[in-house]
Amino acid sequence: MNLKDIILGCNSFEDTEEYINVVFAQKIGENFQHNSNAIALEIPVEEMENLKLQELTEKYCTNFDYFLEMFVLQDFYNDLTQMEEYKSDDKKVERLIYYAKNDA
């Protein structure tokens, strides 16, 4: 699956009391891209609270980088869908990649 697919399908993921969905992706060069390989993993809440992001990455998906927690991605994505300048899927994806890199 690629990063664009996960972003556009983000609302199909649901956290539970036991697990938080987290998105990890592979950078192309030094950046995340639309076509970056990506995965969404259910991480136990306890581990999210007790482990650093680097430790989670090493444990669950070596060769990937943390992108965003799914609930953050969902909130931001849903806000973008209400804005006229982000009507295209590619613009939404670009803005979320920018957010993950610079603002998260």
PDB file of N, CA and C in Angstrom:
ATOM      1  N   MET A   1       0.858  -1.175   0.000  1.00  0.00           N
ATOM      2  CA  MET A   1       0.000   0.000   0.000  1.00  0.00           C
ATOM      3  C   MET A   1       0.900   1.232   0.000  1.00  0.00           C
ATOM      4  N   ASN A   2       0.434   2.296  -0.620  1.00  0.00           N
ATOM      5  CA  ASN A   2       1.248   3.506  -0.593  1.00  0.00           C
ATOM      6  C   ASN A   2       0.610   4.570   0.314  1.00  0.00           C
ATOM      7  N   LEU A   3       1.377   5.616   0.560  1.00  0.00           N
ATOM      8  CA  LEU A   3       0.949   6.645   1.504  1.00  0.00           C
ATOM      9  C   LEU A   3      -0.334   7.334   1.049  1.00  0.00           C
ATOM     10  N   LYS A   4      -0.453   7.589  -0.235  1.00  0.00           N
ATOM     11  CA  LYS A   4      -1.672   8.231  -0.751  1.00  0.00           C
ATOM     12  C   LYS A   4      -2.894   7.373  -0.448  1.00  0.00           C
ATOM     13  N   ASP A   5      -2.794   6.063  -0.658  1.00  0.00           N
ATOM     14  CA  ASP A   5      -3.918   5.165  -0.386  1.00  0.00           C
ATOM     15  C   ASP A   5      -4.338   5.208   1.079  1.00  0.00           C
ATOM     16  N   ILE A   6      -3.358   5.208   1.964  1.00  0.00           N
ATOM     17  CA  ILE A   6      -3.684   5.246   3.398  1.00  0.00           C
ATOM     18  C   ILE A   6      -4.319   6.574   3.774  1.00  0.00           C
ATOM     19  N   ILE A   7      -3.759   7.661   3.269  1.00  0.00           N
ATOM     20  CA  ILE A   7      -4.328   8.980   3.590  1.00  0.00           C
ATOM     21  C   ILE A   7      -5.770   9.082   3.095  1.00  0.00           C
ATOM     22  N   LEU A   8      -6.004   8.720   1.851  1.00  0.00           N
ATOM     23  CA  LEU A   8      -7.359   8.838   1.289  1.00  0.00           C
ATOM     24  C   LEU A   8      -8.339   7.859   1.926  1.00  0.00           C
ATOM     25  N   GLY A   9      -7.842   6.770   2.472  1.00  0.00           N
ATOM     26  CA  GLY A   9      -8.703   5.790   3.136  1.00  0.00           C
ATOM     27  C   GLY A   9      -8.635   5.854   4.652  1.00  0.00           C
ATOM     28  N   CYS A  10      -8.136   6.950   5.174  1.00  0.00           N
ATOM     29  CA  CYS A  10      -7.882   7.045   6.618  1.00  0.00           C
ATOM     30  C   CYS A  10      -9.131   6.828   7.472  1.00  0.00           C
ATOM     31  N   ASN A  11     -10.282   7.201   6.970  1.00  0.00           N
ATOM     32  CA  ASN A  11     -11.487   7.085   7.787  1.00  0.00           C
ATOM     33  C   ASN A  11     -12.009   5.655   7.915  1.00  0.00           C
ATOM     34  N   SER A  12     -11.352   4.725   7.255  1.00  0.00           N
ATOM     35  CA  SER A  12     -11.744   3.320   7.403  1.00  0.00           C
ATOM     36  C   SER A  12     -11.045   2.650   8.590  1.00  0.00           C
ATOM     37  N   PHE A  13     -10.144   3.377   9.254  1.00  0.00           N
ATOM     38  CA  PHE A  13      -9.436   2.845  10.412  1.00  0.00           C
ATOM     39  C   PHE A  13     -10.096   3.355  11.691  1.00  0.00           C
ATOM     40  N   GLU A  14     -10.116   2.507  12.703  1.00  0.00           N
ATOM     41  CA  GLU A  14     -10.740   2.889  13.962  1.00  0.00           C
ATOM     42  C   GLU A  14      -9.885   2.418  15.130  1.00  0.00           C
ATOM     43  N   ASP A  15      -9.559   3.356  16.000  1.00  0.00           N
ATOM     44  CA  ASP A  15      -8.834   3.014  17.223  1.00  0.00           C
ATOM     45  C   ASP A  15      -9.780   2.331  18.205  1.00  0.00           C
ATOM     46  N   THR A  16      -9.200   1.574  19.129  1.00  0.00           N
ATOM     47  CA  THR A  16      -9.975   0.932  20.184  1.00  0.00           C
ATOM     48  C   THR A  16      -9.385   1.343  21.527  1.00  0.00           C
ATOM     49  N   GLU A  17      -9.933   0.838  22.600  1.00  0.00           N
ATOM     50  CA  GLU A  17      -9.365   1.116  23.916  1.00  0.00           C
ATOM     51  C   GLU A  17      -7.997   0.481  24.074  1.00  0.00           C
ATOM     52  N   GLU A  18      -7.756  -0.597  23.341  1.00  0.00           N
ATOM     53  CA  GLU A  18      -6.494  -1.331  23.465  1.00  0.00           C
ATOM     54  C   GLU A  18      -5.437  -0.918  22.447  1.00  0.00           C
ATOM     55  N   TYR A  19      -5.865  -0.434  21.277  1.00  0.00           N
ATOM     56  CA  TYR A  19      -4.930  -0.171  20.182  1.00  0.00           C
ATOM     57  C   TYR A  19      -5.130   1.204  19.563  1.00  0.00           C
ATOM     58  N   ILE A  20      -4.019   1.780  19.132  1.00  0.00           N
ATOM     59  CA  ILE A  20      -4.026   3.030  18.374  1.00  0.00           C
ATOM     60  C   ILE A  20      -3.415   2.718  17.012  1.00  0.00           C
ATOM     61  N   ASN A  21      -4.065   3.144  15.952  1.00  0.00           N
ATOM     62  CA  ASN A  21      -3.522   2.966  14.607  1.00  0.00           C
ATOM     63  C   ASN A  21      -2.469   4.040  14.346  1.00  0.00           C
ATOM     64  N   VAL A  22      -1.327   3.586  13.852  1.00  0.00           N
ATOM     65  CA  VAL A  22      -0.218   4.489  13.567  1.00  0.00           C
ATOM     66  C   VAL A  22       0.257   4.223  12.139  1.00  0.00           C
ATOM     67  N   VAL A  23       0.525   5.304  11.413  1.00  0.00           N
ATOM     68  CA  VAL A  23       0.993   5.182  10.035  1.00  0.00           C
ATOM     69  C   VAL A  23       2.513   5.347  10.013  1.00  0.00           C
ATOM     70  N   PHE A  24       3.159   4.397   9.325  1.00  0.00           N
ATOM     71  CA  PHE A  24       4.589   4.439   9.071  1.00  0.00           C
ATOM     72  C   PHE A  24       4.774   4.406   7.564  1.00  0.00           C
ATOM     73  N   ALA A  25       5.778   5.120   7.074  1.00  0.00           N
ATOM     74  CA  ALA A  25       6.025   5.152   5.627  1.00  0.00           C
ATOM     75  C   ALA A  25       7.524   5.190   5.360  1.00  0.00           C
ATOM     76  N   GLN A  26       7.888   4.778   4.161  1.00  0.00           N
ATOM     77  CA  GLN A  26       9.280   4.852   3.733  1.00  0.00           C
ATOM     78  C   GLN A  26       9.484   6.151   2.972  1.00  0.00           C
ATOM     79  N   LYS A  27      10.562   6.821   3.293  1.00  0.00           N
ATOM     80  CA  LYS A  27      10.883   8.049   2.579  1.00  0.00           C
ATOM     81  C   LYS A  27      11.529   7.697   1.246  1.00  0.00           C
ATOM     82  N   ILE A  28      11.278   8.537   0.278  1.00  0.00           N
ATOM     83  CA  ILE A  28      11.940   8.444  -1.014  1.00  0.00           C
ATOM     84  C   ILE A  28      12.908   9.613  -1.055  1.00  0.00           C
ATOM     85  N   GLY A  29      14.178   9.286  -1.070  1.00  0.00           N
ATOM     86  CA  GLY A  29      15.174  10.329  -0.843  1.00  0.00           C
ATOM     87  C   GLY A  29      15.095  10.694   0.622  1.00  0.00           C
ATOM     88  N   GLU A  30      14.804  11.939   0.896  1.00  0.00           N
ATOM     89  CA  GLU A  30      14.684  12.378   2.285  1.00  0.00           C
ATOM     90  C   GLU A  30      13.260  12.759   2.656  1.00  0.00           C
ATOM     91  N   ASN A  31      12.316  12.488   1.769  1.00  0.00           N
ATOM     92  CA  ASN A  31      10.949  12.953   1.998  1.00  0.00           C
ATOM     93  C   ASN A  31       9.917  11.854   1.781  1.00  0.00           C
ATOM     94  N   PHE A  32       8.781  12.014   2.431  1.00  0.00           N
ATOM     95  CA  PHE A  32       7.628  11.188   2.136  1.00  0.00           C
ATOM     96  C   PHE A  32       7.049  11.649   0.809  1.00  0.00           C
ATOM     97  N   GLN A  33       6.565  10.707   0.014  1.00  0.00           N
ATOM     98  CA  GLN A  33       5.957  11.009  -1.273  1.00  0.00           C
ATOM     99  C   GLN A  33       4.609  10.293  -1.358  1.00  0.00           C
ATOM    100  N   HIS A  34       3.789  10.691  -2.301  1.00  0.00           N
ATOM    101  CA  HIS A  34       2.488  10.041  -2.527  1.00  0.00           C
ATOM    102  C   HIS A  34       2.653   8.534  -2.667  1.00  0.00           C
ATOM    103  N   ASN A  35       3.687   8.115  -3.374  1.00  0.00           N
ATOM    104  CA  ASN A  35       3.887   6.700  -3.670  1.00  0.00           C
ATOM    105  C   ASN A  35       4.831   5.994  -2.694  1.00  0.00           C
ATOM    106  N   SER A  36       5.149   6.618  -1.570  1.00  0.00           N
ATOM    107  CA  SER A  36       5.970   5.967  -0.547  1.00  0.00           C
ATOM    108  C   SER A  36       5.255   4.725  -0.035  1.00  0.00           C
ATOM    109  N   ASN A  37       5.984   3.636   0.118  1.00  0.00           N
ATOM    110  CA  ASN A  37       5.409   2.459   0.760  1.00  0.00           C
ATOM    111  C   ASN A  37       4.966   2.859   2.157  1.00  0.00           C
ATOM    112  N   ALA A  38       3.779   2.414   2.552  1.00  0.00           N
ATOM    113  CA  ALA A  38       3.247   2.805   3.854  1.00  0.00           C
ATOM    114  C   ALA A  38       2.427   1.671   4.455  1.00  0.00           C
ATOM    115  N   ILE A  39       2.368   1.675   5.789  1.00  0.00           N
ATOM    116  CA  ILE A  39       1.549   0.705   6.514  1.00  0.00           C
ATOM    117  C   ILE A  39       0.883   1.403   7.688  1.00  0.00           C
ATOM    118  N   ALA A  40      -0.280   0.913   8.026  1.00  0.00           N
ATOM    119  CA  ALA A  40      -0.983   1.366   9.227  1.00  0.00           C
ATOM    120  C   ALA A  40      -1.000   0.181  10.180  1.00  0.00           C
ATOM    121  N   LEU A  41      -0.441   0.379  11.358  1.00  0.00           N
ATOM    122  CA  LEU A  41      -0.340  -0.705  12.330  1.00  0.00           C
ATOM    123  C   LEU A  41      -1.121  -0.381  13.584  1.00  0.00           C
ATOM    124  N   GLU A  42      -1.715  -1.400  14.181  1.00  0.00           N
ATOM    125  CA  GLU A  42      -2.363  -1.250  15.484  1.00  0.00           C
ATOM    126  C   GLU A  42      -1.288  -1.454  16.550  1.00  0.00           C
ATOM    127  N   ILE A  43      -1.009  -0.396  17.290  1.00  0.00           N
ATOM    128  CA  ILE A  43       0.003  -0.440  18.348  1.00  0.00           C
ATOM    129  C   ILE A  43      -0.729  -0.411  19.685  1.00  0.00           C
ATOM    130  N   PRO A  44      -0.375  -1.300  20.607  1.00  0.00           N
ATOM    131  CA  PRO A  44      -1.021  -1.267  21.921  1.00  0.00           C
ATOM    132  C   PRO A  44      -0.854   0.103  22.590  1.00  0.00           C
ATOM    133  N   VAL A  45      -1.922   0.591  23.194  1.00  0.00           N
ATOM    134  CA  VAL A  45      -1.916   1.900  23.845  1.00  0.00           C
ATOM    135  C   VAL A  45      -0.774   1.989  24.854  1.00  0.00           C
ATOM    136  N   GLU A  46      -0.566   0.946  25.604  1.00  0.00           N
ATOM    137  CA  GLU A  46       0.490   0.940  26.615  1.00  0.00           C
ATOM    138  C   GLU A  46       1.864   1.204  25.988  1.00  0.00           C
ATOM    139  N   GLU A  47       2.116   0.603  24.850  1.00  0.00           N
ATOM    140  CA  GLU A  47       3.395   0.818  24.184  1.00  0.00           C
ATOM    141  C   GLU A  47       3.498   2.237  23.633  1.00  0.00           C
ATOM    142  N   MET A  48       2.405   2.783  23.138  1.00  0.00           N
ATOM    143  CA  MET A  48       2.411   4.162  22.640  1.00  0.00           C
ATOM    144  C   MET A  48       2.753   5.132  23.761  1.00  0.00           C
ATOM    145  N   GLU A  49       2.319   4.802  24.969  1.00  0.00           N
ATOM    146  CA  GLU A  49       2.576   5.677  26.105  1.00  0.00           C
ATOM    147  C   GLU A  49       3.978   5.508  26.670  1.00  0.00           C
ATOM    148  N   ASN A  50       4.578   4.322  26.499  1.00  0.00           N
ATOM    149  CA  ASN A  50       5.835   4.023  27.178  1.00  0.00           C
ATOM    150  C   ASN A  50       7.068   3.956  26.284  1.00  0.00           C
ATOM    151  N   LEU A  51       6.886   3.806  24.991  1.00  0.00           N
ATOM    152  CA  LEU A  51       8.034   3.691  24.098  1.00  0.00           C
ATOM    153  C   LEU A  51       8.195   4.960  23.271  1.00  0.00           C
ATOM    154  N   LYS A  52       9.429   5.261  22.920  1.00  0.00           N
ATOM    155  CA  LYS A  52       9.703   6.380  22.032  1.00  0.00           C
ATOM    156  C   LYS A  52       9.393   5.950  20.604  1.00  0.00           C
ATOM    157  N   LEU A  53       9.158   6.922  19.734  1.00  0.00           N
ATOM    158  CA  LEU A  53       8.816   6.618  18.341  1.00  0.00           C
ATOM    159  C   LEU A  53       9.881   5.755  17.672  1.00  0.00           C
ATOM    160  N   GLN A  54      11.138   6.042  17.927  1.00  0.00           N
ATOM    161  CA  GLN A  54      12.210   5.249  17.319  1.00  0.00           C
ATOM    162  C   GLN A  54      12.133   3.793  17.776  1.00  0.00           C
ATOM    163  N   GLU A  55      11.819   3.576  19.041  1.00  0.00           N
ATOM    164  CA  GLU A  55      11.685   2.211  19.559  1.00  0.00           C
ATOM    165  C   GLU A  55      10.502   1.490  18.908  1.00  0.00           C
ATOM    166  N   LEU A  56       9.397   2.203  18.731  1.00  0.00           N
ATOM    167  CA  LEU A  56       8.233   1.611  18.062  1.00  0.00           C
ATOM    168  C   LEU A  56       8.568   1.237  16.618  1.00  0.00           C
ATOM    169  N   THR A  57       9.274   2.135  15.937  1.00  0.00           N
ATOM    170  CA  THR A  57       9.645   1.876  14.553  1.00  0.00           C
ATOM    171  C   THR A  57      10.544   0.647  14.460  1.00  0.00           C
ATOM    172  N   GLU A  58      11.530   0.570  15.329  1.00  0.00           N
ATOM    173  CA  GLU A  58      12.442  -0.579  15.314  1.00  0.00           C
ATOM    174  C   GLU A  58      11.712  -1.877  15.644  1.00  0.00           C
ATOM    175  N   LYS A  59      10.743  -1.813  16.521  1.00  0.00           N
ATOM    176  CA  LYS A  59      10.028  -3.010  16.930  1.00  0.00           C
ATOM    177  C   LYS A  59       9.054  -3.496  15.854  1.00  0.00           C
ATOM    178  N   TYR A  60       8.333  -2.576  15.233  1.00  0.00           N
ATOM    179  CA  TYR A  60       7.232  -2.966  14.353  1.00  0.00           C
ATOM    180  C   TYR A  60       7.527  -2.864  12.854  1.00  0.00           C
ATOM    181  N   CYS A  61       8.387  -1.972  12.456  1.00  0.00           N
ATOM    182  CA  CYS A  61       8.553  -1.791  11.011  1.00  0.00           C
ATOM    183  C   CYS A  61       9.888  -1.152  10.660  1.00  0.00           C
ATOM    184  N   THR A  62      10.928  -1.946  10.771  1.00  0.00           N
ATOM    185  CA  THR A  62      12.256  -1.494  10.387  1.00  0.00           C
ATOM    186  C   THR A  62      12.217  -1.033   8.931  1.00  0.00           C
ATOM    187  N   ASN A  63      12.989  -0.056   8.596  1.00  0.00           N
ATOM    188  CA  ASN A  63      13.072   0.536   7.252  1.00  0.00           C
ATOM    189  C   ASN A  63      11.905   1.466   6.935  1.00  0.00           C
ATOM    190  N   PHE A  64      11.070   1.735   7.907  1.00  0.00           N
ATOM    191  CA  PHE A  64       9.999   2.720   7.752  1.00  0.00           C
ATOM    192  C   PHE A  64      10.238   3.840   8.757  1.00  0.00           C
ATOM    193  N   ASP A  65       9.580   4.962   8.553  1.00  0.00           N
ATOM    194  CA  ASP A  65       9.622   6.084   9.485  1.00  0.00           C
ATOM    195  C   ASP A  65       8.213   6.377   9.964  1.00  0.00           C
ATOM    196  N   TYR A  66       8.124   6.856  11.183  1.00  0.00           N
ATOM    197  CA  TYR A  66       6.832   7.294  11.717  1.00  0.00           C
ATOM    198  C   TYR A  66       6.294   8.395  10.825  1.00  0.00           C
ATOM    199  N   PHE A  67       4.995   8.325  10.508  1.00  0.00           N
ATOM    200  CA  PHE A  67       4.338   9.380   9.739  1.00  0.00           C
ATOM    201  C   PHE A  67       3.391  10.160  10.649  1.00  0.00           C
ATOM    202  N   LEU A  68       2.300   9.550  11.067  1.00  0.00           N
ATOM    203  CA  LEU A  68       1.349  10.185  11.987  1.00  0.00           C
ATOM    204  C   LEU A  68       0.508   9.113  12.672  1.00  0.00           C
ATOM    205  N   GLU A  69      -0.030   9.454  13.820  1.00  0.00           N
ATOM    206  CA  GLU A  69      -1.053   8.610  14.420  1.00  0.00           C
ATOM    207  C   GLU A  69      -2.322   8.816  13.598  1.00  0.00           C
ATOM    208  N   MET A  70      -3.078   7.756  13.418  1.00  0.00           N
ATOM    209  CA  MET A  70      -4.229   7.797  12.519  1.00  0.00           C
ATOM    210  C   MET A  70      -5.266   8.834  12.952  1.00  0.00           C
ATOM    211  N   PHE A  71      -5.531   8.972  14.255  1.00  0.00           N
ATOM    212  CA  PHE A  71      -6.558   9.932  14.668  1.00  0.00           C
ATOM    213  C   PHE A  71      -6.153  11.359  14.318  1.00  0.00           C
ATOM    214  N   VAL A  72      -4.866  11.667  14.337  1.00  0.00           N
ATOM    215  CA  VAL A  72      -4.385  12.994  13.942  1.00  0.00           C
ATOM    216  C   VAL A  72      -4.580  13.163  12.438  1.00  0.00           C
ATOM    217  N   LEU A  73      -4.188  12.147  11.686  1.00  0.00           N
ATOM    218  CA  LEU A  73      -4.363  12.169  10.236  1.00  0.00           C
ATOM    219  C   LEU A  73      -5.835  12.353   9.882  1.00  0.00           C
ATOM    220  N   GLN A  74      -6.715  11.611  10.546  1.00  0.00           N
ATOM    221  CA  GLN A  74      -8.150  11.701  10.270  1.00  0.00           C
ATOM    222  C   GLN A  74      -8.698  13.095  10.553  1.00  0.00           C
ATOM    223  N   ASP A  75      -8.340  13.662  11.691  1.00  0.00           N
ATOM    224  CA  ASP A  75      -8.826  15.007  12.032  1.00  0.00           C
ATOM    225  C   ASP A  75      -8.381  16.033  10.995  1.00  0.00           C
ATOM    226  N   PHE A  76      -7.102  15.987  10.646  1.00  0.00           N
ATOM    227  CA  PHE A  76      -6.562  16.940   9.686  1.00  0.00           C
ATOM    228  C   PHE A  76      -7.190  16.720   8.303  1.00  0.00           C
ATOM    229  N   TYR A  77      -7.290  15.470   7.888  1.00  0.00           N
ATOM    230  CA  TYR A  77      -7.897  15.138   6.588  1.00  0.00           C
ATOM    231  C   TYR A  77      -9.339  15.643   6.523  1.00  0.00           C
ATOM    232  N   ASN A  78     -10.111  15.389   7.561  1.00  0.00           N
ATOM    233  CA  ASN A  78     -11.512  15.816   7.572  1.00  0.00           C
ATOM    234  C   ASN A  78     -11.638  17.328   7.533  1.00  0.00           C
ATOM    235  N   ASP A  79     -10.715  18.040   8.173  1.00  0.00           N
ATOM    236  CA  ASP A  79     -10.710  19.499   8.077  1.00  0.00           C
ATOM    237  C   ASP A  79     -10.418  19.945   6.637  1.00  0.00           C
ATOM    238  N   LEU A  80      -9.454  19.278   5.995  1.00  0.00           N
ATOM    239  CA  LEU A  80      -9.100  19.648   4.621  1.00  0.00           C
ATOM    240  C   LEU A  80     -10.264  19.465   3.655  1.00  0.00           C
ATOM    241  N   THR A  81     -11.079  18.453   3.888  1.00  0.00           N
ATOM    242  CA  THR A  81     -12.195  18.195   2.970  1.00  0.00           C
ATOM    243  C   THR A  81     -13.212  19.343   2.977  1.00  0.00           C
ATOM    244  N   GLN A  82     -13.164  20.171   3.994  1.00  0.00           N
ATOM    245  CA  GLN A  82     -14.097  21.298   4.092  1.00  0.00           C
ATOM    246  C   GLN A  82     -13.545  22.573   3.452  1.00  0.00           C
ATOM    247  N   MET A  83     -12.287  22.534   3.011  1.00  0.00           N
ATOM    248  CA  MET A  83     -11.646  23.728   2.456  1.00  0.00           C
ATOM    249  C   MET A  83     -11.619  23.667   0.935  1.00  0.00           C
ATOM    250  N   GLU A  84     -12.012  24.750   0.326  1.00  0.00           N
ATOM    251  CA  GLU A  84     -12.101  24.817  -1.133  1.00  0.00           C
ATOM    252  C   GLU A  84     -10.755  24.548  -1.811  1.00  0.00           C
ATOM    253  N   GLU A  85      -9.667  25.055  -1.251  1.00  0.00           N
ATOM    254  CA  GLU A  85      -8.359  24.897  -1.895  1.00  0.00           C
ATOM    255  C   GLU A  85      -7.798  23.476  -1.820  1.00  0.00           C
ATOM    256  N   TYR A  86      -8.460  22.590  -1.074  1.00  0.00           N
ATOM    257  CA  TYR A  86      -8.000  21.202  -0.951  1.00  0.00           C
ATOM    258  C   TYR A  86      -9.048  20.213  -1.455  1.00  0.00           C
ATOM    259  N   LYS A  87      -9.731  20.556  -2.523  1.00  0.00           N
ATOM    260  CA  LYS A  87     -10.758  19.669  -3.075  1.00  0.00           C
ATOM    261  C   LYS A  87     -10.161  18.459  -3.790  1.00  0.00           C
ATOM    262  N   SER A  88      -8.986  18.600  -4.386  1.00  0.00           N
ATOM    263  CA  SER A  88      -8.398  17.461  -5.090  1.00  0.00           C
ATOM    264  C   SER A  88      -7.692  16.542  -4.098  1.00  0.00           C
ATOM    265  N   ASP A  89      -7.716  15.254  -4.409  1.00  0.00           N
ATOM    266  CA  ASP A  89      -7.051  14.277  -3.544  1.00  0.00           C
ATOM    267  C   ASP A  89      -5.560  14.558  -3.437  1.00  0.00           C
ATOM    268  N   ASP A  90      -4.921  14.899  -4.548  1.00  0.00           N
ATOM    269  CA  ASP A  90      -3.481  15.148  -4.522  1.00  0.00           C
ATOM    270  C   ASP A  90      -3.127  16.325  -3.620  1.00  0.00           C
ATOM    271  N   LYS A  91      -3.951  17.365  -3.609  1.00  0.00           N
ATOM    272  CA  LYS A  91      -3.679  18.512  -2.738  1.00  0.00           C
ATOM    273  C   LYS A  91      -3.829  18.138  -1.266  1.00  0.00           C
ATOM    274  N   LYS A  92      -4.802  17.307  -0.959  1.00  0.00           N
ATOM    275  CA  LYS A  92      -4.971  16.835   0.421  1.00  0.00           C
ATOM    276  C   LYS A  92      -3.738  16.038   0.853  1.00  0.00           C
ATOM    277  N   VAL A  93      -3.302  15.141  -0.010  1.00  0.00           N
ATOM    278  CA  VAL A  93      -2.145  14.305   0.310  1.00  0.00           C
ATOM    279  C   VAL A  93      -0.899  15.166   0.488  1.00  0.00           C
ATOM    280  N   GLU A  94      -0.673  16.098  -0.419  1.00  0.00           N
ATOM    281  CA  GLU A  94       0.485  16.984  -0.314  1.00  0.00           C
ATOM    282  C   GLU A  94       0.465  17.771   0.993  1.00  0.00           C
ATOM    283  N   ARG A  95      -0.700  18.272   1.363  1.00  0.00           N
ATOM    284  CA  ARG A  95      -0.800  19.070   2.592  1.00  0.00           C
ATOM    285  C   ARG A  95      -0.553  18.209   3.828  1.00  0.00           C
ATOM    286  N   LEU A  96      -1.047  16.986   3.835  1.00  0.00           N
ATOM    287  CA  LEU A  96      -0.812  16.100   4.978  1.00  0.00           C
ATOM    288  C   LEU A  96       0.649  15.686   5.081  1.00  0.00           C
ATOM    289  N   ILE A  97       1.293  15.469   3.947  1.00  0.00           N
ATOM    290  CA  ILE A  97       2.725  15.147   3.967  1.00  0.00           C
ATOM    291  C   ILE A  97       3.495  16.346   4.517  1.00  0.00           C
ATOM    292  N   TYR A  98       3.143  17.534   4.072  1.00  0.00           N
ATOM    293  CA  TYR A  98       3.784  18.749   4.584  1.00  0.00           C
ATOM    294  C   TYR A  98       3.587  18.860   6.093  1.00  0.00           C
ATOM    295  N   TYR A  99       2.378  18.632   6.542  1.00  0.00           N
ATOM    296  CA  TYR A  99       2.081  18.705   7.982  1.00  0.00           C
ATOM    297  C   TYR A  99       2.909  17.689   8.765  1.00  0.00           C
ATOM    298  N   ALA A 100       2.952  16.451   8.290  1.00  0.00           N
ATOM    299  CA  ALA A 100       3.703  15.416   9.002  1.00  0.00           C
ATOM    300  C   ALA A 100       5.187  15.770   9.085  1.00  0.00           C
ATOM    301  N   LYS A 101       5.717  16.355   8.046  1.00  0.00           N
ATOM    302  CA  LYS A 101       7.141  16.693   8.019  1.00  0.00           C
ATOM    303  C   LYS A 101       7.452  17.930   8.853  1.00  0.00           C
ATOM    304  N   ASN A 102       6.610  18.930   8.802  1.00  0.00           N
ATOM    305  CA  ASN A 102       6.967  20.244   9.354  1.00  0.00           C
ATOM    306  C   ASN A 102       6.231  20.649  10.630  1.00  0.00           C
ATOM    307  N   ASP A 103       5.040  20.151  10.844  1.00  0.00           N
ATOM    308  CA  ASP A 103       4.222  20.682  11.928  1.00  0.00           C
ATOM    309  C   ASP A 103       3.878  19.681  13.029  1.00  0.00           C
ATOM    310  N   ALA A 104       3.962  18.396  12.720  1.00  0.00           N
ATOM    311  CA  ALA A 104       3.533  17.399  13.701  1.00  0.00           C
ATOM    312  C   ALA A 104       4.557  17.220  14.805  1.00  0.00           C
TER     313      ALA A 104
END
